[in-house]
Protein backbone atom coordinates (compact mmCIF):
# COMPACT_ATOMS: atom_id res chain seq x y z
CA UNK A 1 79.87 65.43 147.17
CA UNK A 2 79.31 69.01 146.51
CA UNK A 3 83.02 69.71 145.72
CA UNK A 4 83.13 67.09 142.99
CA UNK A 5 80.28 68.11 141.17
CA UNK A 6 81.86 71.48 141.30
CA UNK A 7 84.62 70.43 139.47
CA UNK A 8 82.57 68.20 137.17
CA UNK A 9 80.40 71.50 136.54
CA UNK A 10 83.56 73.39 135.55
CA UNK A 11 84.62 70.66 132.87
CA UNK A 12 82.54 71.60 130.57
CA UNK A 13 83.15 75.23 130.33
CA UNK A 14 86.84 74.70 129.96
CA UNK A 15 86.32 72.08 127.76
CA UNK A 16 83.91 74.39 125.78
CA UNK A 17 86.76 77.60 125.86
CA UNK A 18 89.27 75.37 124.83
CA UNK A 19 86.61 74.66 121.68
CA UNK A 20 86.21 78.23 120.63
CA UNK A 21 90.16 79.06 121.26
CA UNK A 22 90.66 76.17 118.39
CA UNK A 23 87.67 77.19 116.49
CA UNK A 24 89.03 80.36 115.96
CA UNK A 25 92.55 79.21 114.88
CA UNK A 26 90.69 76.90 112.39
CA UNK A 27 88.96 79.74 111.36
CA UNK A 28 91.89 81.49 110.42
CA UNK A 29 93.06 77.91 109.11
CA UNK A 30 96.80 78.63 110.71
CA UNK A 31 98.07 78.41 114.41
CA UNK A 32 100.07 82.08 115.15
CA UNK A 33 103.21 80.36 114.61
CA UNK A 34 102.18 79.96 111.14
CA UNK A 35 101.15 83.16 110.62
CA UNK A 36 104.99 84.30 110.40
CA UNK A 37 105.52 81.77 107.92
CA UNK A 38 102.99 82.43 106.01
CA UNK A 39 103.28 85.96 105.60
CA UNK A 40 107.53 85.44 105.14
CA UNK A 41 106.46 83.20 102.08
CA UNK A 42 104.22 86.15 100.91
CA UNK A 43 106.85 88.63 101.12
CA UNK A 44 109.98 86.33 99.64
CA UNK A 45 107.15 85.52 96.31
CA UNK A 46 106.49 89.66 96.05
CA UNK A 47 110.36 90.48 96.35
CA UNK A 48 111.10 88.20 93.92
CA UNK A 49 108.26 89.36 91.36
CA UNK A 50 109.63 93.09 91.86
CA UNK A 51 113.54 92.02 91.11
CA UNK A 52 112.08 90.22 88.05
CA UNK A 53 109.93 93.18 87.08
CA UNK A 54 112.51 96.10 88.00
CA UNK A 55 115.31 94.55 86.38
CA UNK A 56 113.18 93.08 83.25
CA UNK A 57 112.22 96.96 82.50
CA UNK A 58 116.29 98.08 84.00
CA UNK A 59 117.83 97.52 81.20
CA UNK A 60 115.38 98.86 78.72
CA UNK A 61 117.13 102.15 77.52
CA UNK A 62 113.65 103.73 76.49
CA UNK A 63 111.82 103.50 79.66
CA UNK A 64 112.37 105.96 82.47
CA UNK A 65 113.79 104.81 85.74
CA UNK A 66 111.11 107.03 87.69
CA UNK A 67 108.24 104.75 85.99
CA UNK A 68 109.92 101.79 87.02
CA UNK A 69 110.21 103.32 91.01
CA UNK A 70 106.42 104.62 90.71
CA UNK A 71 105.14 100.64 88.68
CA UNK A 72 106.98 98.19 90.43
CA UNK A 73 108.87 99.68 93.81
CA UNK A 74 106.61 101.58 94.94
CA UNK A 75 103.64 99.29 95.26
CA UNK A 76 105.90 96.38 96.59
CA UNK A 77 106.86 98.91 99.50
CA UNK A 78 102.58 99.71 100.11
CA UNK A 79 102.32 96.19 99.66
CA UNK A 80 104.85 95.28 102.41
CA UNK A 81 103.67 97.63 104.92
CA UNK A 82 99.47 96.55 104.82
CA UNK A 83 101.26 93.24 105.32
CA UNK A 84 103.50 93.51 107.83
CA UNK A 85 100.88 95.75 110.22
CA UNK A 86 98.38 92.73 109.52
CA UNK A 87 100.80 90.26 110.45
CA UNK A 88 101.26 91.37 113.89
CA UNK A 89 98.21 92.65 114.07
CA UNK A 90 97.01 89.06 113.19
CA UNK A 91 99.31 87.63 115.66
CA UNK A 92 98.68 89.71 118.36
CA UNK A 93 94.85 89.41 118.26
CA UNK A 94 94.98 85.61 118.40
CA UNK A 95 97.67 85.95 121.07
CA UNK A 96 95.39 87.96 123.12
CA UNK A 97 92.15 86.16 122.98
CA UNK A 98 93.95 82.38 123.85
CA UNK A 99 95.25 84.07 126.73
CA UNK A 100 92.00 85.06 128.26
CA UNK A 101 90.84 81.65 128.00
C-alpha cells in the first residue's frame, strides 16, 4: 500500500516537470530542432539581402568599393556572428534544461 501511494506521489512531480519543460519550449515558440531551421532561414534571407545590395552598388562606378564593404558586408558579418552565437547558446540552454528533467 505504501509503495503504491509513493509511486502515485511521484507521478504529479514527473507531470509538472514535463509541463515546465513544454512551457519552456512554448515560451520560445520553437522546439530545439527548429532553432537551427529558423536561423538557417534567417541567414539565407540575410545573404540574399547582402548579395542584392552588393551587386546593385558594385556596378555603379561612382561608389567606392570600400564603402560597399563597410556598409553592406561588414554589418552582415557582425549580424551573422551574433546570431550564430545566439543560435547555439539557445540550443545548448534548452538541451541542458531539458536534460535536468
